[in-house]
């Protein structure tokens, strides 16, 4: 099943739900369409399982960041830098989320797991923020979900709009120095937004 999910992740991220083909996934995993349908019920069931696994993967890595071991500013820096790096290294995740937004969240709504998977992400942001408030380094009045959304938006843009932005503005956004500069810029934007 892990092989099927891995191949299906790439197929759905490259072609979307409508364009992905179960026979391509079956051929690549040397299994049958019938076996895929046995495990996942339908193409849509496989797509939901792919979404769940994509969210499970990012959230499990986030829990290993050990943010509680750091001061609030350094913890925030680590969290933001991780998010930027993860999105850049996992463009399939970004494309899956973009595809699901095209479907207006229809398939995520079918998943009970994805809601639960995202609770720790918001809790981590909230804990870092609340520690910063208690230490007097962060300003009051910031919502944890809104902060998470802002971090995600800045991080996702680097992947979702990379090709068009690079062409329009004639920039090599894949150059290591460009990646490092953008990463630092995002980290600084978020930290300065929260600082008193």
N, C-alpha and C. Protein backbone atom coordinates (compact mmCIF):
# COMPACT_ATOMS: atom_id res chain seq x y z
N UNK A 1 0.82 -1.21 0.00
CA UNK A 1 0.00 0.00 0.00
C UNK A 1 0.86 1.26 0.00
N UNK A 2 2.01 1.20 0.67
CA UNK A 2 2.90 2.37 0.71
C UNK A 2 3.39 2.71 -0.69
N UNK A 3 3.70 1.69 -1.49
CA UNK A 3 4.14 1.93 -2.87
C UNK A 3 3.02 2.56 -3.70
N UNK A 4 1.82 2.08 -3.51
CA UNK A 4 0.68 2.63 -4.24
C UNK A 4 0.50 4.10 -3.87
N UNK A 5 0.56 4.42 -2.57
CA UNK A 5 0.39 5.80 -2.13
C UNK A 5 1.50 6.70 -2.68
N UNK A 6 2.72 6.20 -2.71
CA UNK A 6 3.83 7.00 -3.23
C UNK A 6 3.65 7.32 -4.71
N UNK A 7 3.33 6.31 -5.50
CA UNK A 7 3.14 6.51 -6.94
C UNK A 7 1.90 7.37 -7.18
N UNK A 8 0.84 7.11 -6.43
CA UNK A 8 -0.40 7.88 -6.59
C UNK A 8 -0.19 9.34 -6.21
N UNK A 9 0.64 9.61 -5.21
CA UNK A 9 0.94 10.99 -4.83
C UNK A 9 1.51 11.74 -6.01
N UNK A 10 2.47 11.13 -6.67
CA UNK A 10 3.08 11.80 -7.82
C UNK A 10 2.08 11.95 -8.97
N UNK A 11 1.31 10.92 -9.23
CA UNK A 11 0.32 10.95 -10.32
C UNK A 11 -0.73 12.04 -10.07
N UNK A 12 -1.28 12.10 -8.86
CA UNK A 12 -2.29 13.12 -8.56
C UNK A 12 -1.68 14.52 -8.54
N UNK A 13 -0.46 14.65 -8.05
CA UNK A 13 0.15 15.98 -7.98
C UNK A 13 0.51 16.49 -9.36
N UNK A 14 0.85 15.62 -10.26
CA UNK A 14 1.20 16.02 -11.63
C UNK A 14 -0.02 16.26 -12.51
N UNK A 15 -1.07 15.47 -12.33
CA UNK A 15 -2.19 15.50 -13.27
C UNK A 15 -3.52 15.89 -12.65
N UNK A 16 -3.54 16.09 -11.33
CA UNK A 16 -4.79 16.41 -10.67
C UNK A 16 -5.67 15.19 -10.54
N UNK A 17 -6.79 15.35 -9.88
CA UNK A 17 -7.70 14.23 -9.69
C UNK A 17 -8.30 13.77 -11.01
N UNK A 18 -8.73 14.69 -11.84
CA UNK A 18 -9.37 14.32 -13.10
C UNK A 18 -8.40 13.66 -14.08
N UNK A 19 -7.17 14.14 -14.10
CA UNK A 19 -6.21 13.63 -15.08
C UNK A 19 -5.46 12.39 -14.65
N UNK A 20 -5.41 12.10 -13.37
CA UNK A 20 -4.69 10.92 -12.88
C UNK A 20 -5.39 9.66 -13.34
N UNK A 21 -4.59 8.64 -13.64
CA UNK A 21 -5.14 7.38 -14.14
C UNK A 21 -4.75 6.22 -13.23
N UNK A 22 -5.74 5.46 -12.82
CA UNK A 22 -5.49 4.30 -11.96
C UNK A 22 -4.64 3.26 -12.68
N UNK A 23 -4.84 3.09 -14.00
CA UNK A 23 -4.04 2.10 -14.71
C UNK A 23 -2.56 2.47 -14.73
N UNK A 24 -2.23 3.76 -14.77
CA UNK A 24 -0.84 4.20 -14.70
C UNK A 24 -0.26 3.86 -13.33
N UNK A 25 -1.02 4.09 -12.28
CA UNK A 25 -0.58 3.78 -10.92
C UNK A 25 -0.41 2.27 -10.76
N UNK A 26 -1.35 1.50 -11.29
CA UNK A 26 -1.26 0.04 -11.21
C UNK A 26 -0.02 -0.47 -11.94
N UNK A 27 0.22 0.03 -13.15
CA UNK A 27 1.40 -0.40 -13.92
C UNK A 27 2.70 -0.06 -13.18
N UNK A 28 2.77 1.14 -12.62
CA UNK A 28 3.99 1.58 -11.96
C UNK A 28 4.26 0.81 -10.66
N UNK A 29 3.22 0.30 -10.04
CA UNK A 29 3.39 -0.45 -8.79
C UNK A 29 3.30 -1.96 -9.01
N UNK A 30 3.19 -2.36 -10.25
CA UNK A 30 3.08 -3.78 -10.62
C UNK A 30 1.98 -4.50 -9.84
N UNK A 31 0.85 -3.83 -9.80
CA UNK A 31 -0.34 -4.41 -9.18
C UNK A 31 -1.49 -4.25 -10.16
N UNK A 32 -2.66 -4.63 -9.76
CA UNK A 32 -3.82 -4.50 -10.67
C UNK A 32 -4.72 -3.37 -10.20
N UNK A 33 -5.50 -2.87 -11.15
CA UNK A 33 -6.49 -1.85 -10.80
C UNK A 33 -7.46 -2.42 -9.76
N UNK A 34 -7.79 -3.69 -9.94
CA UNK A 34 -8.72 -4.34 -9.03
C UNK A 34 -8.19 -4.31 -7.59
N UNK A 35 -6.88 -4.53 -7.42
CA UNK A 35 -6.29 -4.52 -6.08
C UNK A 35 -6.33 -3.10 -5.49
N UNK A 36 -6.08 -2.10 -6.32
CA UNK A 36 -6.14 -0.71 -5.86
C UNK A 36 -7.57 -0.39 -5.40
N UNK A 37 -8.54 -0.81 -6.18
CA UNK A 37 -9.93 -0.56 -5.80
C UNK A 37 -10.30 -1.36 -4.54
N UNK A 38 -9.70 -2.54 -4.37
CA UNK A 38 -9.95 -3.33 -3.17
C UNK A 38 -9.47 -2.56 -1.93
N UNK A 39 -8.26 -2.01 -2.01
CA UNK A 39 -7.68 -1.28 -0.88
C UNK A 39 -8.36 0.06 -0.62
N UNK A 40 -8.68 0.79 -1.69
CA UNK A 40 -9.10 2.19 -1.53
C UNK A 40 -10.54 2.46 -1.95
N UNK A 41 -11.21 1.50 -2.54
CA UNK A 41 -12.62 1.65 -2.88
C UNK A 41 -12.90 2.31 -4.21
N UNK A 42 -12.15 3.36 -4.52
CA UNK A 42 -12.38 4.11 -5.75
C UNK A 42 -11.17 5.01 -6.01
N UNK A 43 -11.17 5.65 -7.15
CA UNK A 43 -10.12 6.63 -7.45
C UNK A 43 -10.16 7.76 -6.42
N UNK A 44 -11.36 8.21 -6.08
CA UNK A 44 -11.51 9.27 -5.10
C UNK A 44 -11.04 8.82 -3.71
N UNK A 45 -11.29 7.55 -3.38
CA UNK A 45 -10.82 7.00 -2.11
C UNK A 45 -9.31 6.98 -2.04
N UNK A 46 -8.67 6.64 -3.16
CA UNK A 46 -7.20 6.67 -3.23
C UNK A 46 -6.69 8.10 -3.10
N UNK A 47 -7.37 9.03 -3.74
CA UNK A 47 -6.98 10.44 -3.65
C UNK A 47 -7.07 10.95 -2.21
N UNK A 48 -8.13 10.60 -1.50
CA UNK A 48 -8.27 10.99 -0.09
C UNK A 48 -7.14 10.36 0.73
N UNK A 49 -6.82 9.10 0.48
CA UNK A 49 -5.73 8.44 1.20
C UNK A 49 -4.40 9.12 0.92
N UNK A 50 -4.19 9.58 -0.30
CA UNK A 50 -2.97 10.32 -0.65
C UNK A 50 -2.92 11.64 0.11
N UNK A 51 -4.03 12.35 0.16
CA UNK A 51 -4.07 13.60 0.93
C UNK A 51 -3.76 13.35 2.40
N UNK A 52 -4.38 12.31 2.97
CA UNK A 52 -4.14 11.99 4.38
C UNK A 52 -2.67 11.68 4.63
N UNK A 53 -2.07 10.90 3.76
CA UNK A 53 -0.65 10.55 3.93
C UNK A 53 0.24 11.78 3.78
N UNK A 54 -0.09 12.67 2.87
CA UNK A 54 0.69 13.90 2.68
C UNK A 54 0.66 14.76 3.94
N UNK A 55 -0.51 14.92 4.53
CA UNK A 55 -0.62 15.70 5.77
C UNK A 55 0.02 14.97 6.94
N UNK A 56 -0.13 13.65 6.98
CA UNK A 56 0.47 12.87 8.06
C UNK A 56 2.00 13.03 8.05
N UNK A 57 2.57 13.03 6.86
CA UNK A 57 4.03 13.14 6.72
C UNK A 57 4.55 14.47 7.24
N UNK A 58 3.96 15.57 6.81
CA UNK A 58 4.45 16.88 7.26
C UNK A 58 4.23 17.07 8.75
N UNK A 59 3.09 16.63 9.26
CA UNK A 59 2.81 16.82 10.67
C UNK A 59 3.70 15.96 11.56
N UNK A 60 4.07 14.76 11.10
CA UNK A 60 4.95 13.92 11.92
C UNK A 60 6.35 14.51 11.99
N UNK A 61 6.81 15.13 10.92
CA UNK A 61 8.13 15.77 10.93
C UNK A 61 8.09 17.01 11.82
N UNK A 62 7.00 17.76 11.75
CA UNK A 62 6.87 18.96 12.59
C UNK A 62 6.99 18.64 14.08
N UNK A 63 6.46 17.48 14.48
CA UNK A 63 6.50 17.13 15.90
C UNK A 63 7.92 16.85 16.38
N UNK A 64 8.84 16.62 15.46
CA UNK A 64 10.24 16.35 15.82
C UNK A 64 11.10 17.62 15.88
N UNK A 65 10.50 18.78 15.72
CA UNK A 65 11.29 20.02 15.70
C UNK A 65 11.79 20.44 17.08
N UNK A 66 11.25 19.88 18.13
CA UNK A 66 11.67 20.17 19.51
C UNK A 66 11.65 21.67 19.81
N UNK A 67 10.53 22.29 19.49
CA UNK A 67 10.39 23.72 19.69
C UNK A 67 10.39 24.13 21.16
N UNK A 68 9.96 23.21 22.02
CA UNK A 68 9.92 23.53 23.46
C UNK A 68 11.32 23.70 24.05
N UNK A 69 12.33 23.20 23.37
CA UNK A 69 13.71 23.30 23.85
C UNK A 69 14.34 24.65 23.52
N UNK A 70 13.62 25.49 22.78
CA UNK A 70 14.17 26.77 22.33
C UNK A 70 13.39 27.93 22.92
N UNK A 71 14.02 29.09 22.98
CA UNK A 71 13.30 30.30 23.33
C UNK A 71 12.26 30.58 22.26
N UNK A 72 11.25 31.40 22.56
CA UNK A 72 10.16 31.60 21.61
C UNK A 72 10.57 32.18 20.26
N UNK A 73 11.51 33.12 20.25
CA UNK A 73 11.93 33.70 18.97
C UNK A 73 12.67 32.66 18.14
N UNK A 74 13.58 31.92 18.77
CA UNK A 74 14.32 30.88 18.05
C UNK A 74 13.39 29.75 17.61
N UNK A 75 12.42 29.40 18.45
CA UNK A 75 11.44 28.37 18.08
C UNK A 75 10.62 28.82 16.87
N UNK A 76 10.21 30.08 16.87
CA UNK A 76 9.47 30.61 15.72
C UNK A 76 10.34 30.57 14.47
N UNK A 77 11.59 30.98 14.58
CA UNK A 77 12.51 30.92 13.44
C UNK A 77 12.62 29.49 12.90
N UNK A 78 12.77 28.53 13.80
CA UNK A 78 12.91 27.13 13.37
C UNK A 78 11.64 26.65 12.67
N UNK A 79 10.49 26.98 13.23
CA UNK A 79 9.22 26.55 12.65
C UNK A 79 9.02 27.14 11.26
N UNK A 80 9.26 28.43 11.11
CA UNK A 80 9.08 29.08 9.81
C UNK A 80 10.09 28.53 8.80
N UNK A 81 11.35 28.42 9.20
CA UNK A 81 12.38 27.89 8.28
C UNK A 81 12.04 26.47 7.85
N UNK A 82 11.58 25.65 8.80
CA UNK A 82 11.17 24.29 8.46
C UNK A 82 10.06 24.31 7.41
N UNK A 83 9.07 25.15 7.62
CA UNK A 83 7.93 25.20 6.69
C UNK A 83 8.38 25.61 5.30
N UNK A 84 9.23 26.62 5.21
CA UNK A 84 9.77 27.05 3.92
C UNK A 84 10.52 25.90 3.26
N UNK A 85 11.41 25.27 4.01
CA UNK A 85 12.23 24.18 3.47
C UNK A 85 11.38 22.99 3.05
N UNK A 86 10.40 22.64 3.87
CA UNK A 86 9.57 21.48 3.57
C UNK A 86 8.78 21.70 2.28
N UNK A 87 8.16 22.86 2.17
CA UNK A 87 7.35 23.13 0.96
C UNK A 87 8.24 23.08 -0.29
N UNK A 88 9.41 23.67 -0.19
CA UNK A 88 10.32 23.69 -1.34
C UNK A 88 10.79 22.29 -1.71
N UNK A 89 11.06 21.46 -0.72
CA UNK A 89 11.54 20.10 -0.97
C UNK A 89 10.42 19.13 -1.35
N UNK A 90 9.17 19.54 -1.15
CA UNK A 90 8.03 18.65 -1.40
C UNK A 90 6.99 19.33 -2.28
N UNK A 91 7.35 19.64 -3.52
CA UNK A 91 6.38 20.32 -4.39
C UNK A 91 5.13 19.49 -4.65
N UNK A 92 5.23 18.16 -4.55
CA UNK A 92 4.03 17.33 -4.72
C UNK A 92 2.98 17.69 -3.67
N UNK A 93 3.41 17.96 -2.44
CA UNK A 93 2.47 18.35 -1.38
C UNK A 93 1.75 19.64 -1.76
N UNK A 94 2.51 20.61 -2.22
CA UNK A 94 1.92 21.90 -2.60
C UNK A 94 0.92 21.71 -3.74
N UNK A 95 1.30 20.93 -4.74
CA UNK A 95 0.39 20.70 -5.87
C UNK A 95 -0.87 19.95 -5.45
N UNK A 96 -0.73 18.99 -4.51
CA UNK A 96 -1.92 18.29 -4.01
C UNK A 96 -2.86 19.26 -3.31
N UNK A 97 -2.31 20.13 -2.48
CA UNK A 97 -3.13 21.11 -1.78
C UNK A 97 -3.79 22.06 -2.79
N UNK A 98 -3.05 22.46 -3.82
CA UNK A 98 -3.62 23.32 -4.85
C UNK A 98 -4.77 22.61 -5.58
N UNK A 99 -4.56 21.33 -5.89
CA UNK A 99 -5.62 20.55 -6.54
C UNK A 99 -6.85 20.47 -5.66
N UNK A 100 -6.63 20.22 -4.36
CA UNK A 100 -7.76 20.13 -3.45
C UNK A 100 -8.49 21.46 -3.32
N UNK A 101 -7.76 22.56 -3.42
CA UNK A 101 -8.42 23.86 -3.41
C UNK A 101 -9.24 24.09 -4.68
N UNK A 102 -8.79 23.57 -5.79
CA UNK A 102 -9.59 23.63 -7.02
C UNK A 102 -10.93 22.92 -6.80
N UNK A 103 -10.89 21.84 -6.02
CA UNK A 103 -12.11 21.09 -5.69
C UNK A 103 -12.83 21.66 -4.47
N UNK A 104 -12.39 22.84 -4.03
CA UNK A 104 -13.01 23.56 -2.91
C UNK A 104 -13.05 22.73 -1.62
N UNK A 105 -12.03 21.89 -1.44
CA UNK A 105 -11.91 21.11 -0.21
C UNK A 105 -12.86 19.94 -0.11
N UNK A 106 -13.49 19.57 -1.21
CA UNK A 106 -14.50 18.52 -1.20
C UNK A 106 -13.98 17.20 -0.63
N UNK A 107 -12.75 16.84 -0.97
CA UNK A 107 -12.23 15.53 -0.56
C UNK A 107 -11.60 15.57 0.82
N UNK A 108 -11.02 16.69 1.19
CA UNK A 108 -10.53 16.83 2.56
C UNK A 108 -11.71 16.76 3.53
N UNK A 109 -12.85 17.30 3.12
CA UNK A 109 -14.04 17.26 3.96
C UNK A 109 -14.49 15.82 4.24
N UNK A 110 -14.13 14.91 3.36
CA UNK A 110 -14.50 13.50 3.54
C UNK A 110 -13.57 12.78 4.52
N UNK A 111 -12.47 13.40 4.86
CA UNK A 111 -11.47 12.76 5.71
C UNK A 111 -11.61 13.19 7.16
N UNK A 112 -11.78 12.22 8.03
CA UNK A 112 -11.79 12.52 9.46
C UNK A 112 -10.36 12.67 9.97
N UNK A 113 -9.42 12.03 9.33
CA UNK A 113 -8.02 12.04 9.78
C UNK A 113 -7.35 13.40 9.60
N UNK A 114 -7.61 14.07 8.49
CA UNK A 114 -6.88 15.32 8.19
C UNK A 114 -7.18 16.39 9.23
N UNK A 115 -8.42 16.49 9.67
CA UNK A 115 -8.74 17.46 10.71
C UNK A 115 -7.90 17.22 11.96
N UNK A 116 -7.84 15.97 12.39
CA UNK A 116 -7.08 15.61 13.59
C UNK A 116 -5.58 15.81 13.39
N UNK A 117 -5.09 15.53 12.19
CA UNK A 117 -3.66 15.66 11.91
C UNK A 117 -3.19 17.10 12.04
N UNK A 118 -4.05 18.05 11.78
CA UNK A 118 -3.64 19.45 11.78
C UNK A 118 -3.75 20.13 13.15
N UNK A 119 -4.38 19.49 14.11
CA UNK A 119 -4.47 20.06 15.45
C UNK A 119 -3.08 20.30 16.06
N UNK A 120 -2.15 19.33 16.00
CA UNK A 120 -0.82 19.57 16.58
C UNK A 120 -0.07 20.73 15.93
N UNK A 121 -0.29 20.97 14.65
CA UNK A 121 0.39 22.08 13.98
C UNK A 121 -0.06 23.41 14.58
N UNK A 122 -1.34 23.56 14.80
CA UNK A 122 -1.86 24.80 15.39
C UNK A 122 -1.44 24.90 16.85
N UNK A 123 -1.46 23.77 17.55
CA UNK A 123 -1.01 23.76 18.94
C UNK A 123 0.44 24.20 19.07
N UNK A 124 1.29 23.75 18.15
CA UNK A 124 2.71 24.13 18.18
C UNK A 124 2.87 25.63 17.98
N UNK A 125 2.17 26.18 17.00
CA UNK A 125 2.22 27.63 16.76
C UNK A 125 1.71 28.38 17.98
N UNK A 126 0.60 27.92 18.54
CA UNK A 126 0.00 28.58 19.70
C UNK A 126 0.96 28.57 20.90
N UNK A 127 1.60 27.43 21.15
CA UNK A 127 2.51 27.32 22.29
C UNK A 127 3.70 28.26 22.14
N UNK A 128 4.28 28.31 20.94
CA UNK A 128 5.42 29.21 20.70
C UNK A 128 4.97 30.65 20.92
N UNK A 129 3.82 30.99 20.36
CA UNK A 129 3.31 32.36 20.49
C UNK A 129 3.02 32.71 21.96
N UNK A 130 2.36 31.81 22.66
CA UNK A 130 2.02 32.09 24.06
C UNK A 130 3.27 32.21 24.93
N UNK A 131 4.31 31.43 24.64
CA UNK A 131 5.57 31.58 25.38
C UNK A 131 6.19 32.94 25.10
N UNK A 132 6.12 33.38 23.85
CA UNK A 132 6.64 34.70 23.49
C UNK A 132 5.87 35.83 24.14
N UNK A 133 4.55 35.65 24.27
CA UNK A 133 3.73 36.63 24.97
C UNK A 133 4.14 36.70 26.45
N UNK A 134 4.26 35.52 27.05
CA UNK A 134 4.60 35.46 28.48
C UNK A 134 5.97 36.08 28.76
N UNK A 135 6.89 35.95 27.82
CA UNK A 135 8.24 36.52 27.99
C UNK A 135 8.30 37.98 27.55
N UNK A 136 7.22 38.48 27.00
CA UNK A 136 7.17 39.88 26.59
C UNK A 136 7.90 40.20 25.30
N UNK A 137 8.14 39.18 24.47
CA UNK A 137 8.85 39.44 23.20
C UNK A 137 7.90 39.50 22.00
N UNK A 138 6.67 38.94 22.13
CA UNK A 138 5.69 38.99 21.05
C UNK A 138 4.54 39.91 21.43
N UNK A 139 3.96 40.57 20.45
CA UNK A 139 2.83 41.46 20.70
C UNK A 139 1.54 40.66 20.85
N UNK A 140 0.60 41.23 21.51
CA UNK A 140 -0.68 40.56 21.78
C UNK A 140 -1.60 40.66 20.57
N UNK A 141 -2.64 39.82 20.57
CA UNK A 141 -3.70 39.93 19.58
C UNK A 141 -3.51 39.12 18.31
N UNK A 142 -2.63 38.13 18.32
CA UNK A 142 -2.40 37.31 17.13
C UNK A 142 -3.11 35.97 17.31
N UNK A 143 -3.87 35.57 16.31
CA UNK A 143 -4.57 34.30 16.30
C UNK A 143 -3.64 33.22 15.75
N UNK A 144 -3.56 32.07 16.42
CA UNK A 144 -2.64 31.00 16.01
C UNK A 144 -2.96 30.46 14.62
N UNK A 145 -4.23 30.30 14.30
CA UNK A 145 -4.59 29.79 12.97
C UNK A 145 -4.20 30.81 11.90
N UNK A 146 -4.43 32.09 12.16
CA UNK A 146 -4.05 33.13 11.22
C UNK A 146 -2.53 33.16 11.02
N UNK A 147 -1.79 33.01 12.10
CA UNK A 147 -0.33 32.98 12.01
C UNK A 147 0.12 31.78 11.19
N UNK A 148 -0.46 30.62 11.45
CA UNK A 148 -0.14 29.41 10.67
C UNK A 148 -0.44 29.63 9.19
N UNK A 149 -1.57 30.27 8.91
CA UNK A 149 -1.95 30.55 7.53
C UNK A 149 -0.93 31.47 6.85
N UNK A 150 -0.48 32.47 7.56
CA UNK A 150 0.51 33.40 6.99
C UNK A 150 1.83 32.72 6.70
N UNK A 151 2.28 31.88 7.63
CA UNK A 151 3.53 31.13 7.41
C UNK A 151 3.38 30.22 6.20
N UNK A 152 2.25 29.53 6.12
CA UNK A 152 2.00 28.64 4.98
C UNK A 152 1.95 29.41 3.67
N UNK A 153 1.25 30.53 3.68
CA UNK A 153 1.11 31.32 2.45
C UNK A 153 2.47 31.77 1.91
N UNK A 154 3.30 32.27 2.80
CA UNK A 154 4.63 32.72 2.36
C UNK A 154 5.46 31.55 1.85
N UNK A 155 5.33 30.40 2.47
CA UNK A 155 6.12 29.23 2.09
C UNK A 155 5.62 28.59 0.80
N UNK A 156 4.32 28.50 0.65
CA UNK A 156 3.73 27.86 -0.53
C UNK A 156 3.98 28.68 -1.79
N UNK A 157 3.95 30.00 -1.67
CA UNK A 157 4.14 30.86 -2.84
C UNK A 157 5.42 30.51 -3.60
N UNK A 158 6.48 30.18 -2.86
CA UNK A 158 7.77 29.86 -3.48
C UNK A 158 7.68 28.67 -4.42
N UNK A 159 6.76 27.78 -4.16
CA UNK A 159 6.59 26.60 -5.01
C UNK A 159 5.47 26.84 -6.03
N UNK A 160 4.33 27.31 -5.56
CA UNK A 160 3.15 27.44 -6.41
C UNK A 160 3.34 28.44 -7.54
N UNK A 161 4.09 29.50 -7.29
CA UNK A 161 4.24 30.55 -8.29
C UNK A 161 5.66 30.67 -8.83
N UNK A 162 6.48 29.71 -8.52
CA UNK A 162 7.90 29.79 -8.88
C UNK A 162 8.12 29.98 -10.38
N UNK A 163 7.47 29.19 -11.18
CA UNK A 163 7.73 29.22 -12.63
C UNK A 163 7.27 30.52 -13.27
N UNK A 164 6.06 30.95 -12.94
CA UNK A 164 5.56 32.19 -13.54
C UNK A 164 6.35 33.39 -13.03
N UNK A 165 6.63 33.43 -11.75
CA UNK A 165 7.36 34.55 -11.16
C UNK A 165 8.77 34.64 -11.75
N UNK A 166 9.43 33.50 -11.90
CA UNK A 166 10.79 33.47 -12.45
C UNK A 166 10.79 33.98 -13.89
N UNK A 167 9.81 33.58 -14.68
CA UNK A 167 9.75 34.02 -16.06
C UNK A 167 9.41 35.50 -16.19
N UNK A 168 8.43 35.94 -15.44
CA UNK A 168 7.99 37.33 -15.53
C UNK A 168 9.09 38.30 -15.08
N UNK A 169 9.76 37.96 -13.98
CA UNK A 169 10.74 38.88 -13.41
C UNK A 169 12.19 38.50 -13.72
N UNK A 170 12.36 37.49 -14.59
CA UNK A 170 13.70 37.09 -15.06
C UNK A 170 14.65 36.82 -13.88
N UNK A 171 14.20 35.95 -12.97
CA UNK A 171 15.02 35.58 -11.81
C UNK A 171 15.18 34.07 -11.77
N UNK A 172 16.36 33.63 -11.39
CA UNK A 172 16.61 32.20 -11.20
C UNK A 172 16.27 31.87 -9.75
N UNK A 173 15.03 31.48 -9.51
CA UNK A 173 14.57 31.20 -8.16
C UNK A 173 15.06 29.87 -7.63
N UNK A 174 15.71 29.06 -8.48
CA UNK A 174 16.29 27.80 -8.05
C UNK A 174 17.75 27.93 -7.65
N UNK A 175 18.34 29.11 -7.86
CA UNK A 175 19.73 29.32 -7.48
C UNK A 175 19.85 29.22 -5.95
N UNK A 176 20.85 28.51 -5.44
CA UNK A 176 21.00 28.34 -3.99
C UNK A 176 20.98 29.66 -3.22
N UNK A 177 21.62 30.70 -3.76
CA UNK A 177 21.63 31.98 -3.05
C UNK A 177 20.24 32.63 -3.04
N UNK A 178 19.46 32.42 -4.11
CA UNK A 178 18.09 32.96 -4.15
C UNK A 178 17.20 32.23 -3.14
N UNK A 179 17.36 30.91 -3.05
CA UNK A 179 16.58 30.12 -2.10
C UNK A 179 16.91 30.54 -0.67
N UNK A 180 18.20 30.68 -0.37
CA UNK A 180 18.63 31.07 0.99
C UNK A 180 18.13 32.47 1.34
N UNK A 181 18.22 33.39 0.40
CA UNK A 181 17.78 34.76 0.66
C UNK A 181 16.27 34.82 0.88
N UNK A 182 15.52 34.09 0.09
CA UNK A 182 14.06 34.09 0.24
C UNK A 182 13.66 33.46 1.57
N UNK A 183 14.31 32.37 1.92
CA UNK A 183 14.04 31.69 3.20
C UNK A 183 14.26 32.66 4.36
N UNK A 184 15.41 33.34 4.36
CA UNK A 184 15.73 34.27 5.44
C UNK A 184 14.73 35.43 5.46
N UNK A 185 14.33 35.89 4.29
CA UNK A 185 13.37 36.98 4.20
C UNK A 185 12.03 36.59 4.83
N UNK A 186 11.56 35.38 4.56
CA UNK A 186 10.29 34.91 5.12
C UNK A 186 10.39 34.77 6.63
N UNK A 187 11.48 34.18 7.10
CA UNK A 187 11.67 34.03 8.55
C UNK A 187 11.64 35.40 9.22
N UNK A 188 12.38 36.36 8.65
CA UNK A 188 12.43 37.71 9.23
C UNK A 188 11.07 38.40 9.20
N UNK A 189 10.33 38.25 8.11
CA UNK A 189 9.00 38.86 8.03
C UNK A 189 8.10 38.39 9.16
N UNK A 190 8.08 37.08 9.38
CA UNK A 190 7.20 36.53 10.41
C UNK A 190 7.66 36.95 11.80
N UNK A 191 8.96 36.87 12.06
CA UNK A 191 9.49 37.27 13.37
C UNK A 191 9.20 38.73 13.64
N UNK A 192 9.45 39.60 12.68
CA UNK A 192 9.20 41.04 12.88
C UNK A 192 7.72 41.33 13.03
N UNK A 193 6.87 40.57 12.38
CA UNK A 193 5.42 40.72 12.51
C UNK A 193 4.98 40.46 13.97
N UNK A 194 5.61 39.48 14.61
CA UNK A 194 5.21 39.11 15.96
C UNK A 194 5.91 39.91 17.05
N UNK A 195 7.09 40.42 16.76
CA UNK A 195 7.86 41.11 17.80
C UNK A 195 7.14 42.35 18.29
N UNK A 196 7.36 42.66 19.56
CA UNK A 196 6.82 43.88 20.16
C UNK A 196 7.53 45.08 19.58
